[in-house]
Amino acid sequence: MIKIARSPLLWFAVIAIAVAALLPLWVSGYILGILTVAYYYGVFSMAWDLLFGFAGEVNFGPTFLIGLGAYGAALLDNAGLGVPLSMIGGTVAALVGGLMLALPALRMRGPYFGLVTLVAVLILQNVIVIFAHFTGGEIGMTVADVLSIDTNVNYWYALGFMVVCGIILFGLSRSALGLILQASGQDPIEAQALGFNVTKHKLAAFCISAIFSGLTGTMLVFYMGAASVGTIVDISIGVQIIIAAVLGGRRTILGGVIGAIFLILATEFLRPLGQLNTFVVSGVALLVILFFPDGMFGYLLRRGERG
């Protein structure tokens, strides 16, 4: 505990959170809106990193879990259940859907797990379009309730949620479960030889990732006030989440937050460049990944250990 208390990165995180909490006092609602979305994307990336960075399973379809949570909550809210119960229901939908996907997929080896998760996103997109009477199809659907109409309140909701999720996920990654997942991801055969049930622990990691992804999806839909394929389930959103996690630093959990904030802010502020926007942001992300393979947060962690 003393070593943790003396860690410069811990105090940096505390100061960063304090500054972030005070941002509504001096920045515009426009900036707060961008950061609100970035914080939710940060949780998506952290949940994805737990499965990929530690368990070694590449989930190419994180928006499958997010979409189940978001649309599940939206449908329940429009049925009159209210925000709290709808969020619980959406999270349960993501968990159940994740289990139905993971149970057969985790038995596969190589790239097949990733392909199954990618196909799951395409299936969900088609289901949303086919049942357009309930889901709004490609146009999307609005929800009866929102978290708040106040920009500052929505920002603090997102910040607090991200901080709590970060603490829980980071703690899990440093627990016995995280160590077993890391060993299973690096060498599953040796982990099995040591007596660990690799499939069971990877399934646990997928369930945890599903819970956080689904819950965050419900938060996002009640922030935006609507759910649509283009804003929730689109494959490009999943790519952003994956890039953010790798950019921030694989196997760091908290790096996903840094990567997500960088991507969202860079994309928004470079919007005047038009089509060059994506090219510039992608180029910078590629350079960071090539020259800093541990990611931005991973690089800071190494510097801190050396110091």
Protein backbone atom coordinates (compact mmCIF):
# COMPACT_ATOMS: atom_id res chain seq x y z
CA MET A 1 0.00 0.00 0.00
CA ILE A 2 2.86 2.38 0.79
CA LYS A 3 4.42 1.71 -2.61
CA ILE A 4 1.09 2.41 -4.32
CA ALA A 5 0.60 5.61 -2.32
CA ARG A 6 4.03 6.83 -3.43
CA SER A 7 3.40 6.07 -7.10
CA PRO A 8 3.64 9.24 -9.25
CA LEU A 9 1.09 7.76 -11.67
CA LEU A 10 -1.46 7.41 -8.84
CA TRP A 11 -1.16 11.06 -7.95
CA PHE A 12 -1.24 12.00 -11.61
CA ALA A 13 -4.52 10.10 -11.94
CA VAL A 14 -5.98 11.77 -8.85
CA ILE A 15 -5.01 15.22 -10.13
CA ALA A 16 -6.37 14.42 -13.60
CA ILE A 17 -9.72 13.32 -12.14
CA ALA A 18 -9.90 16.44 -9.96
CA VAL A 19 -9.20 18.69 -12.95
CA ALA A 20 -11.73 16.79 -15.06
CA ALA A 21 -14.37 17.20 -12.34
CA LEU A 22 -13.85 20.97 -12.38
CA LEU A 23 -13.90 21.37 -16.17
CA PRO A 24 -17.60 22.40 -16.26
CA LEU A 25 -16.59 25.59 -14.41
CA TRP A 26 -14.58 26.96 -17.32
CA VAL A 27 -15.21 25.07 -20.59
CA SER A 28 -18.18 25.24 -22.93
CA GLY A 29 -21.05 22.78 -23.13
CA TYR A 30 -19.78 21.76 -26.56
CA ILE A 31 -16.47 20.50 -25.12
CA LEU A 32 -18.26 18.82 -22.23
CA GLY A 33 -20.50 16.97 -24.69
CA ILE A 34 -17.48 15.64 -26.58
CA LEU A 35 -15.77 14.54 -23.37
CA THR A 36 -18.96 12.89 -22.12
CA VAL A 37 -18.99 10.60 -25.16
CA ALA A 38 -15.22 10.06 -24.83
CA TYR A 39 -15.62 8.86 -21.24
CA TYR A 40 -18.20 6.27 -22.26
CA TYR A 41 -15.94 5.12 -25.08
CA GLY A 42 -13.17 4.87 -22.50
CA VAL A 43 -15.19 2.31 -20.55
CA PHE A 44 -15.88 0.39 -23.77
CA SER A 45 -12.13 0.25 -24.43
CA MET A 46 -11.28 -0.82 -20.88
CA ALA A 47 -13.82 -3.65 -21.05
CA TRP A 48 -12.42 -4.72 -24.42
CA ASP A 49 -8.84 -4.67 -23.09
CA LEU A 50 -9.73 -7.06 -20.27
CA LEU A 51 -10.75 -9.66 -22.85
CA PHE A 52 -7.99 -9.04 -25.40
CA GLY A 53 -5.08 -7.72 -23.36
CA PHE A 54 -5.35 -10.30 -20.60
CA ALA A 55 -7.38 -13.26 -21.93
CA GLY A 56 -5.81 -12.97 -25.39
CA GLU A 57 -9.17 -13.25 -27.18
CA VAL A 58 -9.68 -10.75 -29.98
CA ASN A 59 -13.27 -9.51 -29.92
CA PHE A 60 -13.85 -7.85 -33.30
CA GLY A 61 -17.44 -7.11 -32.36
CA PRO A 62 -17.57 -5.10 -29.13
CA THR A 63 -20.63 -3.27 -30.47
CA PHE A 64 -22.62 -6.52 -30.30
CA LEU A 65 -22.59 -6.35 -26.50
CA ILE A 66 -23.00 -2.56 -26.51
CA GLY A 67 -25.93 -2.80 -28.92
CA LEU A 68 -27.71 -5.45 -26.85
CA GLY A 69 -27.43 -3.27 -23.77
CA ALA A 70 -28.46 -0.05 -25.51
CA TYR A 71 -31.40 -1.43 -27.49
CA GLY A 72 -32.53 -3.63 -24.61
CA ALA A 73 -32.66 -0.60 -22.31
CA ALA A 74 -34.37 1.56 -24.95
CA LEU A 75 -37.10 -1.03 -25.59
CA LEU A 76 -37.73 -1.53 -21.88
CA ASP A 77 -37.83 2.20 -21.20
CA ASN A 78 -40.34 2.75 -24.00
CA ALA A 79 -42.40 -0.03 -22.42
CA GLY A 80 -42.64 2.12 -19.29
CA LEU A 81 -40.08 0.52 -16.94
CA GLY A 82 -38.14 3.73 -16.31
CA VAL A 83 -34.40 4.38 -16.45
CA PRO A 84 -33.06 2.28 -13.51
CA LEU A 85 -34.94 -0.92 -14.37
CA SER A 86 -34.28 -0.45 -18.08
CA MET A 87 -30.54 -0.15 -17.41
CA ILE A 88 -30.59 -3.34 -15.38
CA GLY A 89 -32.59 -5.11 -18.09
CA GLY A 90 -30.26 -3.89 -20.85
CA THR A 91 -27.21 -5.06 -18.91
CA VAL A 92 -28.79 -8.49 -18.37
CA ALA A 93 -29.57 -8.68 -22.10
CA ALA A 94 -25.91 -7.99 -22.90
CA LEU A 95 -24.77 -10.62 -20.40
CA VAL A 96 -27.17 -13.29 -21.68
CA GLY A 97 -26.33 -12.51 -25.30
CA GLY A 98 -22.64 -12.55 -24.46
CA LEU A 99 -22.97 -15.96 -22.82
CA MET A 100 -24.85 -17.36 -25.82
CA LEU A 101 -22.07 -16.10 -28.06
CA ALA A 102 -19.09 -16.98 -25.86
CA LEU A 103 -20.03 -20.55 -24.93
CA PRO A 104 -19.58 -21.93 -28.46
CA ALA A 105 -17.06 -19.31 -29.66
CA LEU A 106 -14.51 -19.88 -26.88
CA ARG A 107 -14.14 -23.50 -27.97
CA MET A 108 -12.61 -22.29 -31.22
CA ARG A 109 -8.94 -21.59 -31.77
CA GLY A 110 -7.03 -19.02 -33.76
CA PRO A 111 -8.90 -16.24 -35.54
CA TYR A 112 -12.26 -18.01 -35.46
CA PHE A 113 -13.34 -16.45 -32.16
CA GLY A 114 -12.81 -12.98 -33.62
CA LEU A 115 -14.72 -13.88 -36.79
CA VAL A 116 -17.67 -15.17 -34.75
CA THR A 117 -17.87 -11.91 -32.79
CA LEU A 118 -17.72 -9.92 -36.04
CA VAL A 119 -20.54 -11.95 -37.59
CA ALA A 120 -22.57 -11.43 -34.40
CA VAL A 121 -22.51 -7.66 -35.03
CA LEU A 122 -23.77 -8.15 -38.59
CA ILE A 123 -26.57 -10.42 -37.33
CA LEU A 124 -27.60 -7.85 -34.71
CA GLN A 125 -27.67 -5.11 -37.34
CA ASN A 126 -29.97 -7.22 -39.52
CA VAL A 127 -32.23 -8.08 -36.59
CA ILE A 128 -32.60 -4.36 -35.83
CA VAL A 129 -33.54 -3.65 -39.44
CA ILE A 130 -35.90 -6.64 -39.76
CA PHE A 131 -37.80 -5.71 -36.59
CA ALA A 132 -37.91 -2.03 -37.51
CA HIS A 133 -41.45 -1.76 -36.11
CA PHE A 134 -39.96 -2.11 -32.61
CA THR A 135 -36.39 -0.86 -33.09
CA GLY A 136 -36.85 1.93 -35.61
CA GLY A 137 -34.65 0.10 -38.12
CA GLU A 138 -31.89 2.12 -39.78
CA ILE A 139 -33.52 5.39 -38.72
CA GLY A 140 -33.25 4.51 -35.04
CA MET A 141 -35.51 4.89 -32.04
CA THR A 142 -35.87 7.52 -29.34
CA VAL A 143 -36.21 6.75 -25.65
CA ALA A 144 -38.92 8.06 -23.37
CA ASP A 145 -36.44 9.21 -20.70
CA VAL A 146 -32.91 10.62 -20.49
CA LEU A 147 -30.38 10.79 -17.68
CA SER A 148 -30.53 14.59 -17.56
CA ILE A 149 -31.11 17.60 -19.79
CA ASP A 150 -28.31 19.48 -18.04
CA THR A 151 -24.95 19.27 -19.87
CA ASN A 152 -22.92 19.55 -16.65
CA VAL A 153 -24.90 16.80 -14.92
CA ASN A 154 -24.50 14.47 -17.89
CA TYR A 155 -20.77 15.18 -17.88
CA TRP A 156 -20.42 14.37 -14.18
CA TYR A 157 -22.46 11.19 -14.63
CA ALA A 158 -20.09 10.04 -17.38
CA LEU A 159 -16.95 11.02 -15.45
CA GLY A 160 -18.07 9.34 -12.23
CA PHE A 161 -19.17 6.23 -14.09
CA MET A 162 -15.85 6.01 -15.94
CA VAL A 163 -13.83 6.43 -12.73
CA VAL A 164 -15.79 3.73 -10.87
CA CYS A 165 -15.56 1.32 -13.81
CA GLY A 166 -11.84 2.05 -14.17
CA ILE A 167 -11.18 1.27 -10.51
CA ILE A 168 -13.14 -2.00 -10.68
CA LEU A 169 -11.64 -3.20 -13.97
CA PHE A 170 -8.11 -2.19 -12.98
CA GLY A 171 -8.54 -4.01 -9.67
CA LEU A 172 -9.79 -7.12 -11.46
CA SER A 173 -6.83 -7.02 -13.84
CA ARG A 174 -4.43 -6.99 -10.89
CA SER A 175 -6.29 -9.72 -9.00
CA ALA A 176 -5.76 -13.49 -9.16
CA LEU A 177 -8.27 -13.60 -12.03
CA GLY A 178 -6.21 -11.08 -14.00
CA LEU A 179 -3.00 -13.02 -13.47
CA ILE A 180 -4.64 -16.29 -14.57
CA LEU A 181 -6.12 -14.58 -17.63
CA GLN A 182 -2.73 -13.14 -18.51
CA ALA A 183 -1.10 -16.57 -18.22
CA SER A 184 -3.92 -18.15 -20.24
CA GLY A 185 -3.62 -15.53 -22.95
CA GLN A 186 0.15 -15.91 -23.29
CA ASP A 187 0.36 -19.71 -23.07
CA PRO A 188 -2.95 -21.56 -22.59
CA ILE A 189 -1.31 -25.00 -22.71
CA GLU A 190 1.07 -24.20 -19.88
CA ALA A 191 -1.75 -22.57 -17.90
CA GLN A 192 -3.80 -25.77 -18.24
CA ALA A 193 -0.79 -27.83 -17.18
CA LEU A 194 -0.64 -25.74 -14.00
CA GLY A 195 -4.21 -26.77 -13.23
CA PHE A 196 -6.12 -23.68 -14.37
CA ASN A 197 -9.39 -24.04 -16.24
CA VAL A 198 -8.56 -21.72 -19.14
CA THR A 199 -12.00 -21.83 -20.78
CA LYS A 200 -13.78 -21.07 -17.52
CA HIS A 201 -11.61 -18.04 -16.78
CA LYS A 202 -11.92 -16.71 -20.32
CA LEU A 203 -15.68 -17.13 -20.08
CA ALA A 204 -15.60 -15.14 -16.83
CA ALA A 205 -13.61 -12.40 -18.58
CA PHE A 206 -16.13 -12.32 -21.44
CA CYS A 207 -19.02 -12.05 -18.98
CA ILE A 208 -17.33 -9.18 -17.12
CA SER A 209 -16.66 -7.44 -20.43
CA ALA A 210 -20.30 -7.99 -21.45
CA ILE A 211 -21.62 -6.52 -18.20
CA PHE A 212 -19.52 -3.35 -18.44
CA SER A 213 -20.11 -2.98 -22.20
CA GLY A 214 -23.85 -3.48 -21.86
CA LEU A 215 -24.18 -1.18 -18.85
CA THR A 216 -22.20 1.53 -20.59
CA GLY A 217 -24.38 1.07 -23.66
CA THR A 218 -27.44 1.79 -21.53
CA MET A 219 -25.77 4.90 -20.11
CA LEU A 220 -24.91 6.11 -23.61
CA VAL A 221 -28.41 5.61 -24.99
CA PHE A 222 -29.98 7.48 -22.06
CA TYR A 223 -27.45 10.27 -22.57
CA MET A 224 -28.11 10.60 -26.31
CA GLY A 225 -31.85 10.00 -25.99
CA ALA A 226 -31.86 7.66 -28.98
CA ALA A 227 -30.40 4.44 -30.33
CA SER A 228 -29.49 3.74 -33.94
CA VAL A 229 -27.31 1.35 -35.89
CA GLY A 230 -24.99 4.16 -36.97
CA THR A 231 -24.33 5.43 -33.44
CA ILE A 232 -24.38 2.21 -31.43
CA VAL A 233 -23.86 -0.97 -33.46
CA ASP A 234 -21.86 0.17 -36.49
CA ILE A 235 -18.64 -1.78 -37.12
CA SER A 236 -16.65 1.47 -37.42
CA ILE A 237 -17.51 2.24 -33.79
CA GLY A 238 -16.06 -1.12 -32.79
CA VAL A 239 -12.90 -0.29 -34.72
CA GLN A 240 -12.61 3.00 -32.80
CA ILE A 241 -12.93 1.15 -29.51
CA ILE A 242 -10.24 -1.35 -30.47
CA ILE A 243 -7.85 1.35 -31.72
CA ALA A 244 -8.40 3.36 -28.53
CA ALA A 245 -7.50 0.36 -26.35
CA VAL A 246 -4.36 -0.47 -28.35
CA LEU A 247 -3.38 3.19 -28.66
CA GLY A 248 -3.71 3.73 -24.92
CA GLY A 249 -1.84 0.56 -24.11
CA ARG A 250 -2.70 -3.11 -24.25
CA ARG A 251 -2.91 -4.89 -20.92
CA THR A 252 -3.11 -1.62 -18.97
CA ILE A 253 -6.92 -1.25 -18.74
CA LEU A 254 -6.68 2.47 -17.92
CA GLY A 255 -4.90 3.13 -21.21
CA GLY A 256 -8.23 2.66 -22.96
CA VAL A 257 -9.44 5.90 -21.40
CA ILE A 258 -6.45 7.86 -22.69
CA GLY A 259 -6.81 6.35 -26.15
CA ALA A 260 -10.55 7.03 -26.31
CA ILE A 261 -10.22 10.66 -25.20
CA PHE A 262 -7.42 11.21 -27.74
CA LEU A 263 -9.40 9.68 -30.61
CA ILE A 264 -12.68 11.46 -29.87
CA LEU A 265 -11.05 14.87 -29.33
CA ALA A 266 -8.76 14.55 -32.35
CA THR A 267 -11.61 13.45 -34.61
CA GLU A 268 -13.80 16.33 -33.48
CA PHE A 269 -11.24 19.13 -33.64
CA LEU A 270 -9.92 17.99 -37.02
CA ARG A 271 -13.43 17.82 -38.47
CA PRO A 272 -12.83 21.02 -40.56
CA LEU A 273 -10.30 19.01 -42.61
CA GLY A 274 -13.15 17.02 -44.11
CA GLN A 275 -12.06 13.68 -45.54
CA LEU A 276 -8.49 14.31 -44.39
CA ASN A 277 -9.75 14.10 -40.82
CA THR A 278 -9.80 10.30 -40.69
CA PHE A 279 -6.50 10.09 -42.57
CA VAL A 280 -4.67 12.37 -40.10
CA VAL A 281 -6.11 10.74 -36.97
CA SER A 282 -5.44 7.23 -38.31
CA GLY A 283 -1.89 8.23 -39.30
CA VAL A 284 -1.10 9.56 -35.84
CA ALA A 285 -2.61 6.45 -34.22
CA LEU A 286 -0.55 4.21 -36.51
CA LEU A 287 2.68 6.07 -35.67
CA VAL A 288 2.03 5.75 -31.94
CA ILE A 289 1.30 2.03 -32.26
CA LEU A 290 4.42 1.45 -34.40
CA PHE A 291 6.89 3.44 -32.29
CA PHE A 292 5.23 2.94 -28.90
CA PRO A 293 3.91 -0.66 -29.07
CA ASP A 294 2.98 -0.54 -25.39
CA GLY A 295 0.72 2.44 -26.05
CA MET A 296 0.72 5.84 -24.41
CA PHE A 297 -0.20 4.67 -20.93
CA GLY A 298 2.08 1.64 -21.20
CA TYR A 299 4.96 3.99 -22.02
CA LEU A 300 4.19 6.09 -18.94
CA LEU A 301 4.04 2.98 -16.77
CA ARG A 302 7.50 1.89 -17.97
CA ARG A 303 8.89 5.35 -17.29
CA GLY A 304 7.37 5.26 -13.83
CA GLU A 305 8.90 1.86 -13.07
CA ARG A 306 12.33 3.06 -14.19
CA GLY A 307 11.97 6.18 -12.08
